[in-house]
Amino acid sequence: MAKKDEAQETQEIAAASGFDPVGFLKETREELDKVVWPSRQQLISESLAVLLMVILSASLIYLVDNFFNWGAGKVFGP
């Protein structure tokens, strides 16, 4: 309960006086401490997966575009 009272008191003070940069930085630091950061291996593997999906998607769009371009050339002539 003490943390709730302290948080509420901090919010009331900040609301009364406007923006509190020190409080903002403190709360930002507290939130960043809660973040679960990925390991180096996980970061690399997920980045490679994203790059692979981007390459595959771009290749598929390229092939479909060329197919429709070829089809339009056949229908409308050179």
C-alpha atoms as a PDB file:
ATOM      1  CA  MET A   1       0.000   0.000   0.000  1.00  0.00           C
ATOM      2  CA  ALA A   2       2.878   2.348   0.695  1.00  0.00           C
ATOM      3  CA  LYS A   3       4.012   2.265  -2.930  1.00  0.00           C
ATOM      4  CA  LYS A   4       0.498   3.113  -4.119  1.00  0.00           C
ATOM      5  CA  ASP A   5       0.303   6.046  -1.721  1.00  0.00           C
ATOM      6  CA  GLU A   6       3.761   7.221  -2.777  1.00  0.00           C
ATOM      7  CA  ALA A   7       2.903   6.913  -6.473  1.00  0.00           C
ATOM      8  CA  GLN A   8      -0.375   8.754  -5.999  1.00  0.00           C
ATOM      9  CA  GLU A   9       1.365  11.497  -4.043  1.00  0.00           C
ATOM     10  CA  THR A  10       4.004  11.829  -6.774  1.00  0.00           C
ATOM     11  CA  GLN A  11       1.305  12.102  -9.429  1.00  0.00           C
ATOM     12  CA  GLU A  12      -0.553  14.744  -7.443  1.00  0.00           C
ATOM     13  CA  ILE A  13       2.591  16.809  -7.010  1.00  0.00           C
ATOM     14  CA  ALA A  14       3.454  16.492 -10.709  1.00  0.00           C
ATOM     15  CA  ALA A  15      -0.094  17.453 -11.709  1.00  0.00           C
ATOM     16  CA  ALA A  16      -0.009  20.496  -9.454  1.00  0.00           C
ATOM     17  CA  SER A  17       3.384  21.785 -10.559  1.00  0.00           C
ATOM     18  CA  GLY A  18       3.398  20.713 -14.201  1.00  0.00           C
ATOM     19  CA  PHE A  19       6.079  18.591 -15.832  1.00  0.00           C
ATOM     20  CA  ASP A  20       8.674  17.074 -13.497  1.00  0.00           C
ATOM     21  CA  PRO A  21      11.789  16.130 -15.518  1.00  0.00           C
ATOM     22  CA  VAL A  22      13.535  14.388 -12.596  1.00  0.00           C
ATOM     23  CA  GLY A  23      10.445  12.328 -11.842  1.00  0.00           C
ATOM     24  CA  PHE A  24      10.049  11.534 -15.520  1.00  0.00           C
ATOM     25  CA  LEU A  25      13.626  10.251 -15.768  1.00  0.00           C
ATOM     26  CA  LYS A  26      13.218   8.224 -12.571  1.00  0.00           C
ATOM     27  CA  GLU A  27      10.024   6.591 -13.803  1.00  0.00           C
ATOM     28  CA  THR A  28      11.589   5.968 -17.212  1.00  0.00           C
ATOM     29  CA  ARG A  29      14.519   4.213 -15.549  1.00  0.00           C
ATOM     30  CA  GLU A  30      12.116   2.081 -13.465  1.00  0.00           C
ATOM     31  CA  GLU A  31      10.214   1.027 -16.587  1.00  0.00           C
ATOM     32  CA  LEU A  32      13.425   0.202 -18.483  1.00  0.00           C
ATOM     33  CA  ASP A  33      14.504  -2.025 -15.572  1.00  0.00           C
ATOM     34  CA  LYS A  34      11.343  -4.096 -16.180  1.00  0.00           C
ATOM     35  CA  VAL A  35      12.206  -4.750 -19.842  1.00  0.00           C
ATOM     36  CA  VAL A  36      13.375  -8.258 -20.716  1.00  0.00           C
ATOM     37  CA  TRP A  37      16.147  -7.682 -23.239  1.00  0.00           C
ATOM     38  CA  PRO A  38      16.883 -10.433 -25.805  1.00  0.00           C
ATOM     39  CA  SER A  39      20.138 -12.324 -25.757  1.00  0.00           C
ATOM     40  CA  ARG A  40      22.689 -11.747 -28.506  1.00  0.00           C
ATOM     41  CA  GLN A  41      21.880 -15.112 -30.109  1.00  0.00           C
ATOM     42  CA  GLN A  42      18.135 -14.404 -30.048  1.00  0.00           C
ATOM     43  CA  LEU A  43      18.658 -10.936 -31.517  1.00  0.00           C
ATOM     44  CA  ILE A  44      20.750 -12.289 -34.393  1.00  0.00           C
ATOM     45  CA  SER A  45      18.404 -15.171 -35.203  1.00  0.00           C
ATOM     46  CA  GLU A  46      15.286 -13.006 -35.162  1.00  0.00           C
ATOM     47  CA  SER A  47      16.976 -10.320 -37.266  1.00  0.00           C
ATOM     48  CA  LEU A  48      17.938 -12.950 -39.840  1.00  0.00           C
ATOM     49  CA  ALA A  49      14.366 -14.260 -39.858  1.00  0.00           C
ATOM     50  CA  VAL A  50      13.054 -10.741 -40.539  1.00  0.00           C
ATOM     51  CA  LEU A  51      15.578 -10.187 -43.342  1.00  0.00           C
ATOM     52  CA  LEU A  52      14.654 -13.538 -44.917  1.00  0.00           C
ATOM     53  CA  MET A  53      10.937 -12.699 -44.842  1.00  0.00           C
ATOM     54  CA  VAL A  54      11.586  -9.273 -46.392  1.00  0.00           C
ATOM     55  CA  ILE A  55      13.656 -10.837 -49.185  1.00  0.00           C
ATOM     56  CA  LEU A  56      11.015 -13.508 -49.836  1.00  0.00           C
ATOM     57  CA  SER A  57       8.191 -10.957 -49.867  1.00  0.00           C
ATOM     58  CA  ALA A  58      10.076  -8.624 -52.197  1.00  0.00           C
ATOM     59  CA  SER A  59      10.867 -11.530 -54.537  1.00  0.00           C
ATOM     60  CA  LEU A  60       7.233 -12.618 -54.626  1.00  0.00           C
ATOM     61  CA  ILE A  61       6.049  -9.076 -55.375  1.00  0.00           C
ATOM     62  CA  TYR A  62       8.691  -8.777 -58.117  1.00  0.00           C
ATOM     63  CA  LEU A  63       7.594 -12.054 -59.732  1.00  0.00           C
ATOM     64  CA  VAL A  64       3.870 -11.192 -59.583  1.00  0.00           C
ATOM     65  CA  ASP A  65       4.587  -7.735 -61.034  1.00  0.00           C
ATOM     66  CA  ASN A  66       6.575  -9.240 -63.903  1.00  0.00           C
ATOM     67  CA  PHE A  67       3.802 -11.786 -64.557  1.00  0.00           C
ATOM     68  CA  PHE A  68       1.150  -9.065 -64.802  1.00  0.00           C
ATOM     69  CA  ASN A  69       3.465  -6.938 -66.948  1.00  0.00           C
ATOM     70  CA  TRP A  70       3.940  -9.904 -69.303  1.00  0.00           C
ATOM     71  CA  GLY A  71       0.160 -10.555 -69.341  1.00  0.00           C
ATOM     72  CA  ALA A  72      -0.607  -6.911 -70.089  1.00  0.00           C
ATOM     73  CA  GLY A  73       1.916  -7.012 -72.951  1.00  0.00           C
ATOM     74  CA  LYS A  74       0.166 -10.041 -74.420  1.00  0.00           C
ATOM     75  CA  VAL A  75      -3.298  -8.479 -74.117  1.00  0.00           C
ATOM     76  CA  PHE A  76      -2.506  -4.935 -75.263  1.00  0.00           C
ATOM     77  CA  GLY A  77       0.369  -5.694 -77.620  1.00  0.00           C
ATOM     78  CA  PRO A  78       3.849  -4.139 -77.860  1.00  0.00           C
END
